[in-house]
Protein backbone atom coordinates (compact mmCIF):
# COMPACT_ATOMS: atom_id res chain seq x y z
CA MET A 1 -0.06 0.00 0.10
CA VAL A 2 1.35 3.43 -1.07
CA CYS A 3 0.77 6.63 0.83
CA LEU A 4 1.53 9.93 -0.83
CA THR A 5 2.03 13.09 1.05
CA TYR A 6 1.79 15.56 -1.76
CA PRO A 7 -1.71 17.01 -1.35
CA HIS A 8 -3.00 16.76 -5.01
CA ILE A 9 -2.69 13.43 -6.80
CA GLY A 10 -3.90 12.66 -10.29
CA ASN A 11 -3.72 16.19 -11.82
CA THR A 12 -1.38 15.18 -14.69
CA GLY A 13 -3.20 11.93 -15.52
CA THR A 14 -1.38 8.97 -16.99
CA ASN A 15 0.15 7.94 -20.37
CA GLN A 16 1.76 4.71 -21.68
CA ASN A 17 5.27 6.27 -22.22
CA ASP A 18 5.67 6.90 -18.47
CA GLU A 19 4.67 3.35 -17.33
CA GLU A 20 7.43 1.48 -15.48
CA SER A 21 5.79 -1.93 -15.63
CA PRO A 22 3.04 -3.83 -17.49
CA LYS A 23 0.59 -2.91 -14.52
CA PRO A 24 0.80 -1.34 -10.98
CA TYR A 25 1.94 -3.82 -8.35
CA ILE A 26 0.44 -2.15 -5.38
CA GLU A 27 -2.51 -3.25 -3.17
CA SER A 28 -3.99 0.30 -2.80
CA LEU A 29 -3.26 3.97 -2.94
CA ILE A 30 -3.80 6.39 0.02
CA VAL A 31 -3.96 10.09 -0.83
CA ARG A 32 -5.24 13.49 0.58
CA GLU A 33 -7.11 14.66 -2.60
CA PHE A 34 -7.58 12.59 -5.73
CA SER A 35 -8.10 14.77 -8.73
CA GLN A 36 -10.82 13.61 -11.26
CA LEU A 37 -9.42 16.18 -13.78
CA THR A 38 -6.35 15.98 -15.83
CA SER A 39 -4.49 19.09 -17.12
CA ASN A 40 -1.38 17.79 -18.75
CA TYR A 41 -0.99 17.69 -22.47
CA ARG A 42 0.54 14.28 -22.49
CA SER A 43 -2.18 12.75 -20.36
CA GLU A 44 -3.97 9.86 -22.09
CA GLU A 45 -6.07 8.60 -19.34
CA SER A 46 -7.12 9.90 -15.90
CA ALA A 47 -5.44 8.37 -12.84
CA GLN A 48 -8.84 7.14 -11.62
CA LEU A 49 -9.63 5.31 -14.82
CA TYR A 50 -6.09 3.92 -14.92
CA LEU A 51 -6.27 2.44 -11.57
CA ASN A 52 -9.81 1.25 -12.14
CA ARG A 53 -8.73 -0.64 -15.21
CA HIS A 54 -6.06 -2.42 -13.01
CA GLU A 55 -8.50 -2.91 -10.09
CA ILE A 56 -6.41 -0.89 -7.64
CA PRO A 57 -8.44 0.70 -5.01
CA VAL A 58 -7.84 4.36 -3.99
CA ILE A 59 -8.87 5.91 -0.66
CA TRP A 60 -8.70 9.66 -0.27
CA ASP A 61 -9.61 12.49 2.08
CA ILE A 62 -7.03 10.95 4.39
CA ASP A 63 -4.60 13.10 6.51
CA THR A 64 -1.54 11.51 4.75
CA ARG A 65 1.08 13.61 6.49
CA ALA A 66 -0.26 12.59 9.90
CA LEU A 67 -0.21 8.95 8.78
CA VAL A 68 3.54 9.35 7.64
CA LEU A 69 4.52 10.80 10.94
CA HIS A 70 2.79 7.86 12.65
CA ILE A 71 4.73 5.46 10.33
CA ARG A 72 8.02 7.13 11.10
CA LYS A 73 7.32 6.75 14.81
CA MET A 74 6.09 3.13 14.70
CA GLY A 75 7.83 1.86 11.69
CA ALA A 76 6.32 0.30 8.47
CA LEU A 77 2.77 -1.11 9.31
CA ARG A 78 0.53 -3.69 7.90
CA GLY A 79 -2.88 -2.24 7.00
CA ILE A 80 -6.39 -2.66 5.49
CA VAL A 81 -8.35 -0.25 3.40
CA ALA A 82 -12.03 -0.64 3.75
CA THR A 83 -15.04 1.47 2.65
CA ASP A 84 -17.89 -1.12 3.18
CA GLY A 85 -18.70 -0.20 6.82
CA THR A 86 -16.46 -3.08 8.30
CA SER A 87 -15.70 -2.04 11.97
CA ALA A 88 -12.39 -0.61 12.90
CA GLU A 89 -11.83 -3.62 15.28
CA GLN A 90 -12.34 -6.02 12.47
CA CYS A 91 -9.98 -4.22 10.23
CA ILE A 92 -7.29 -4.21 12.87
CA ALA A 93 -7.68 -7.85 13.53
CA GLU A 94 -7.37 -8.64 9.77
CA ALA A 95 -4.30 -6.30 9.40
CA ARG A 96 -2.65 -8.10 12.26
CA ALA A 97 -3.25 -11.42 10.61
CA LEU A 98 -1.36 -10.27 7.60
CA PRO A 99 2.22 -11.55 7.15
CA SER A 100 5.08 -9.17 7.80
CA MET A 101 7.20 -8.00 4.78
CA ALA A 102 10.23 -9.64 6.54
CA GLY A 103 10.70 -13.12 5.25
CA GLN A 104 8.62 -12.75 2.19
CA GLU A 105 10.16 -13.61 -1.29
CA LEU A 106 8.20 -11.50 -3.69
CA ALA A 107 10.41 -11.02 -6.53
CA SER A 108 9.32 -14.37 -8.40
CA ARG A 109 5.70 -13.26 -8.06
CA VAL A 110 6.07 -10.07 -9.97
CA SER A 111 8.82 -11.17 -12.49
CA CYS A 112 8.00 -11.87 -16.17
CA LYS A 113 6.93 -15.30 -17.03
CA LYS A 114 9.01 -15.68 -20.10
CA SER A 115 12.04 -13.92 -21.67
CA TYR A 116 11.72 -11.10 -23.98
CA GLU A 117 13.94 -8.46 -25.91
CA TRP A 118 13.80 -4.81 -25.20
CA ASN A 119 14.93 -2.20 -27.72
CA ARG A 120 13.29 1.03 -26.83
CA GLY A 121 15.36 3.90 -25.53
CA SER A 122 14.07 6.93 -23.67
CA ILE A 123 12.16 9.62 -25.73
CA GLU A 124 14.74 12.29 -24.61
CA LEU A 125 17.92 10.23 -25.49
CA ALA A 126 16.68 8.16 -28.47
CA LEU A 127 19.89 6.99 -30.25
CA PRO A 128 20.61 7.80 -33.84
CA PRO A 129 20.35 4.72 -36.10
CA VAL A 130 23.65 2.92 -36.89
CA LEU A 131 24.54 3.89 -40.46
CA PRO A 132 25.61 1.30 -42.98
CA GLY A 133 29.32 0.99 -43.21
CA LYS A 134 30.08 2.50 -39.78
CA LYS A 135 31.55 -0.52 -38.30
CA GLU A 136 32.75 1.04 -35.11
CA GLN A 137 29.21 2.28 -34.33
CA ALA A 138 27.67 -1.26 -35.06
CA GLU A 139 30.20 -2.91 -32.80
CA GLU A 140 29.48 -0.38 -29.97
CA ARG A 141 25.72 -0.86 -30.34
CA ARG A 142 25.99 -4.70 -30.00
CA LEU A 143 26.89 -4.78 -26.35
CA ARG A 144 24.48 -7.54 -25.10
CA VAL A 145 22.97 -7.44 -21.61
CA VAL A 146 20.84 -10.00 -19.90
CA ALA A 147 18.71 -8.40 -17.40
CA TYR A 148 17.08 -10.33 -14.42
CA ASP A 149 13.58 -9.14 -13.82
CA PHE A 150 12.89 -9.15 -10.17
CA GLY A 151 10.33 -6.39 -10.64
CA ILE A 152 12.25 -4.24 -13.06
CA LYS A 153 11.45 -0.70 -13.92
CA GLN A 154 11.20 -0.06 -17.66
CA ASN A 155 13.29 3.17 -17.41
CA ILE A 156 16.24 0.97 -16.47
CA LEU A 157 15.78 -0.91 -19.79
CA ARG A 158 15.45 2.40 -21.66
CA MET A 159 18.64 3.70 -20.11
CA LEU A 160 20.61 0.57 -20.99
CA VAL A 161 19.32 0.99 -24.57
CA ASP A 162 20.43 4.61 -24.46
CA ASN A 163 23.90 3.39 -23.52
CA ARG A 164 24.16 1.30 -26.64
CA CYS A 165 23.08 -2.10 -25.21
CA ASP A 166 20.80 -4.69 -26.64
CA VAL A 167 18.75 -6.12 -23.87
CA GLN A 168 17.31 -9.57 -23.10
CA VAL A 169 15.10 -9.74 -20.00
CA VAL A 170 14.80 -12.97 -18.23
CA PRO A 171 12.60 -14.34 -15.38
CA ALA A 172 13.88 -14.09 -11.88
CA LEU A 173 14.21 -17.97 -11.63
CA THR A 174 16.41 -18.22 -14.74
CA ALA A 175 19.49 -20.40 -13.94
CA ALA A 176 22.95 -18.90 -14.38
CA LYS A 177 24.02 -21.49 -16.91
CA ASP A 178 21.05 -20.47 -19.05
CA VAL A 179 22.01 -16.75 -18.82
CA LEU A 180 25.61 -17.61 -19.91
CA GLY A 181 24.11 -19.59 -22.73
CA LEU A 182 22.86 -16.27 -24.10
CA LYS A 183 26.43 -15.12 -24.30
CA PRO A 184 25.89 -11.70 -22.67
CA ASP A 185 28.52 -8.99 -22.43
CA GLY A 186 26.98 -8.18 -19.02
CA VAL A 187 24.28 -9.11 -16.51
CA PHE A 188 22.02 -6.52 -14.82
CA LEU A 189 20.16 -7.34 -11.55
CA SER A 190 17.00 -5.28 -11.21
CA ASN A 191 15.02 -3.74 -8.39
CA GLY A 192 12.19 -5.53 -6.90
CA PRO A 193 9.98 -6.14 -3.82
CA GLY A 194 10.20 -8.05 -0.66
CA ASP A 195 12.95 -9.45 1.55
CA PRO A 196 16.20 -10.33 -0.28
CA GLU A 197 17.33 -13.08 2.07
CA PRO A 198 14.69 -15.71 1.08
CA ALA A 199 15.70 -15.14 -2.61
CA GLN A 200 18.50 -17.85 -2.27
CA TYR A 201 18.05 -18.92 -5.90
CA ALA A 202 19.11 -15.37 -7.02
CA VAL A 203 22.07 -15.28 -4.64
CA GLU A 204 23.37 -18.63 -5.94
CA ASN A 205 22.96 -17.50 -9.54
CA ILE A 206 25.06 -14.31 -8.91
CA ARG A 207 27.81 -16.50 -7.26
CA ALA A 208 27.81 -18.67 -10.36
CA LEU A 209 28.04 -15.65 -12.59
CA LEU A 210 30.68 -13.80 -10.59
CA GLY A 211 34.03 -13.32 -12.41
CA ARG A 212 32.53 -14.79 -15.63
CA VAL A 213 30.72 -11.71 -16.74
CA PRO A 214 30.37 -7.97 -15.56
CA ILE A 215 27.45 -7.59 -13.15
CA PHE A 216 25.56 -4.35 -12.30
CA GLY A 217 22.80 -4.32 -9.58
CA ILE A 218 20.15 -1.74 -8.37
CA CYS A 219 18.09 -1.75 -5.23
CA LEU A 220 17.13 -5.34 -4.62
CA GLY A 221 19.80 -6.38 -7.10
CA HIS A 222 22.26 -4.51 -4.83
CA GLN A 223 21.08 -6.33 -1.80
CA LEU A 224 21.39 -9.65 -3.56
CA CYS A 225 24.97 -8.75 -4.42
CA GLY A 226 25.66 -8.13 -0.83
CA LEU A 227 24.26 -11.47 0.10
CA ALA A 228 26.27 -13.20 -2.72
CA LEU A 229 29.49 -11.67 -1.49
CA GLY A 230 28.85 -13.08 2.06
CA GLY A 231 27.15 -10.14 3.69
CA LYS A 232 23.75 -9.76 5.50
CA THR A 233 20.82 -7.63 5.08
CA PHE A 234 18.42 -6.10 7.66
CA LYS A 235 14.90 -4.40 7.60
CA LEU A 236 14.83 -0.65 8.05
CA LYS A 237 12.29 0.86 10.38
CA PHE A 238 10.27 2.60 7.74
CA GLY A 239 12.62 2.38 4.65
CA HIS A 240 13.86 5.04 2.33
CA HIS A 241 11.28 6.33 -0.11
CA GLY A 242 10.97 9.32 -2.55
CA SER A 243 13.33 11.73 -3.90
CA ASN A 244 16.08 14.18 -2.49
CA HIS A 245 18.15 11.51 -0.50
CA PRO A 246 21.77 12.67 -0.41
CA VAL A 247 24.31 9.84 -1.17
CA LYS A 248 28.11 10.35 -1.03
CA ASN A 249 30.21 8.59 -3.70
CA LEU A 250 33.20 7.63 -1.62
CA LEU A 251 35.32 7.11 -4.84
CA THR A 252 34.76 10.65 -6.20
CA GLU A 253 33.85 12.57 -2.99
CA LYS A 254 30.75 13.96 -4.83
CA VAL A 255 27.31 14.00 -3.36
CA GLU A 256 24.40 12.55 -5.50
CA ILE A 257 20.81 13.49 -4.88
CA THR A 258 18.98 10.42 -5.42
CA ALA A 259 15.58 8.69 -5.59
CA GLN A 260 14.96 5.66 -3.39
CA ASN A 261 12.42 3.04 -2.63
CA HIS A 262 13.51 0.16 -0.35
CA GLY A 263 12.65 -1.38 3.12
CA PHE A 264 15.90 -3.47 3.42
CA CYS A 265 19.53 -2.60 3.55
CA VAL A 266 22.95 -4.33 3.21
CA ASP A 267 24.95 -4.36 6.55
CA PRO A 268 28.35 -2.93 5.58
CA ASP A 269 29.98 -4.48 8.71
CA SER A 270 29.02 -7.93 7.39
CA LEU A 271 30.69 -7.80 4.11
CA PRO A 272 34.14 -9.33 3.76
CA ALA A 273 36.63 -6.48 3.43
CA LYS A 274 38.97 -8.50 1.30
CA ASP A 275 36.39 -8.86 -1.36
CA ALA A 276 33.98 -5.93 -1.06
CA GLU A 277 34.51 -2.24 -1.05
CA ILE A 278 31.99 0.24 0.11
CA THR A 279 31.43 2.84 -2.55
CA HIS A 280 28.43 4.90 -1.58
CA VAL A 281 26.98 5.92 1.72
CA ASN A 282 23.60 7.59 2.76
CA LEU A 283 24.27 11.01 4.30
CA ASN A 284 21.05 11.03 6.22
CA ASP A 285 21.48 7.87 8.23
CA GLY A 286 24.92 6.47 7.22
CA THR A 287 23.39 3.26 5.62
CA ASN A 288 25.16 1.45 2.75
CA GLU A 289 24.26 2.75 -0.64
CA GLY A 290 26.85 0.99 -2.93
CA ILE A 291 29.44 -1.68 -3.06
CA ARG A 292 31.93 -3.13 -5.79
CA HIS A 293 34.12 -6.24 -5.78
CA ARG A 294 37.71 -5.42 -5.26
CA THR A 295 39.02 -7.73 -8.02
CA MET A 296 35.89 -8.94 -10.05
CA PRO A 297 33.68 -6.99 -12.41
CA LEU A 298 30.72 -6.48 -10.07
CA PHE A 299 29.08 -3.28 -8.67
CA SER A 300 25.84 -2.26 -7.28
CA VAL A 301 23.82 0.71 -5.79
CA GLN A 302 20.91 0.82 -3.45
CA TYR A 303 19.24 3.86 -4.93
CA HIS A 304 17.67 4.32 -8.40
CA PRO A 305 19.97 6.12 -10.94
CA GLU A 306 17.34 5.74 -13.53
CA ALA A 307 14.77 7.78 -11.72
CA SER A 308 12.48 9.74 -14.02
CA PRO A 309 11.88 12.67 -14.11
CA GLY A 310 14.93 13.04 -11.72
CA PRO A 311 17.26 13.80 -10.22
CA HIS A 312 19.68 12.68 -12.88
CA ASP A 313 22.87 12.76 -10.83
CA SER A 314 23.50 9.13 -11.04
CA HIS A 315 23.03 8.37 -14.87
CA TYR A 316 26.88 8.01 -15.04
CA LEU A 317 26.40 4.54 -13.45
CA PHE A 318 25.07 3.17 -16.72
CA GLY A 319 27.99 4.45 -18.65
CA GLN A 320 30.21 2.85 -16.09
CA PHE A 321 28.60 -0.44 -16.64
CA THR A 322 29.13 -0.01 -20.44
CA LYS A 323 32.80 0.78 -19.92
CA LEU A 324 33.18 -2.25 -17.64
CA MET A 325 31.71 -4.46 -20.31
CA LYS A 326 34.00 -3.13 -22.99
CA GLU A 327 37.13 -3.65 -20.85
CA PHE A 328 36.05 -7.11 -19.90
CA LYS A 329 35.27 -7.98 -23.46
């Protein structure tokens, strides 16, 4: 369930180009005021009709900022949305009976069911076509990336294409040997929901791929990299969500303003220092935001460098992945 604190939601409507997945994977939306009118020239459908079509309930006229303050005090909560007159006591009992997020393996539930190719870049950064006879352009264009879908955001795929990659998306449960059979120049590990520790199938696949192909992970993919390197993860009290999270790149000493959406974190003290190097740290609470392997081609970040419409401070990571693949190749 997603609670938004901005007072007006739905004003800009929705359009297909901005979708990040085939459908919304939330249980419900909680807002202060839900606009029935759209006023953006790119709008194709109102937010209400879009969520109706996907059978996502919305509850509004809620003091969402008071709710967020409560969550910050109590931690992430299980909840029920009801509008049918069910008593508060019954709703509380049903909410308490729901499973906690800790221990839930959700990535395989939201992953694609079969492999597919992705070749669409972003609207703003669409690549020029490769011209006949331009051998160097064609070679650069043909970097092949296999992307594990643990709940992947489509702008990640667009960013990979913008950086001259051909992308093959595979289901979360795809074995490492099958990925290597596709002869990738690199493997991408996507974001996704749930607790990373139960996803041992993914951890084992990363270990099998380590050193054989460059690896780049984001969000859940980052947490899985931490586990694959021998580290541990833990659940944050209420997670990091939304934009404007300051992250320091320890390699460049620069601060990136980032977008984040995660409830779990890699414990930096649990990582073996001989293998893993801490590359990024959250300046709000000191939590881990990035790691890389000291000798093998693997790196990952906890935040979302592909965030759209921004900030764009971390787009360089996709170029870093491309460079790593070229050097390894």
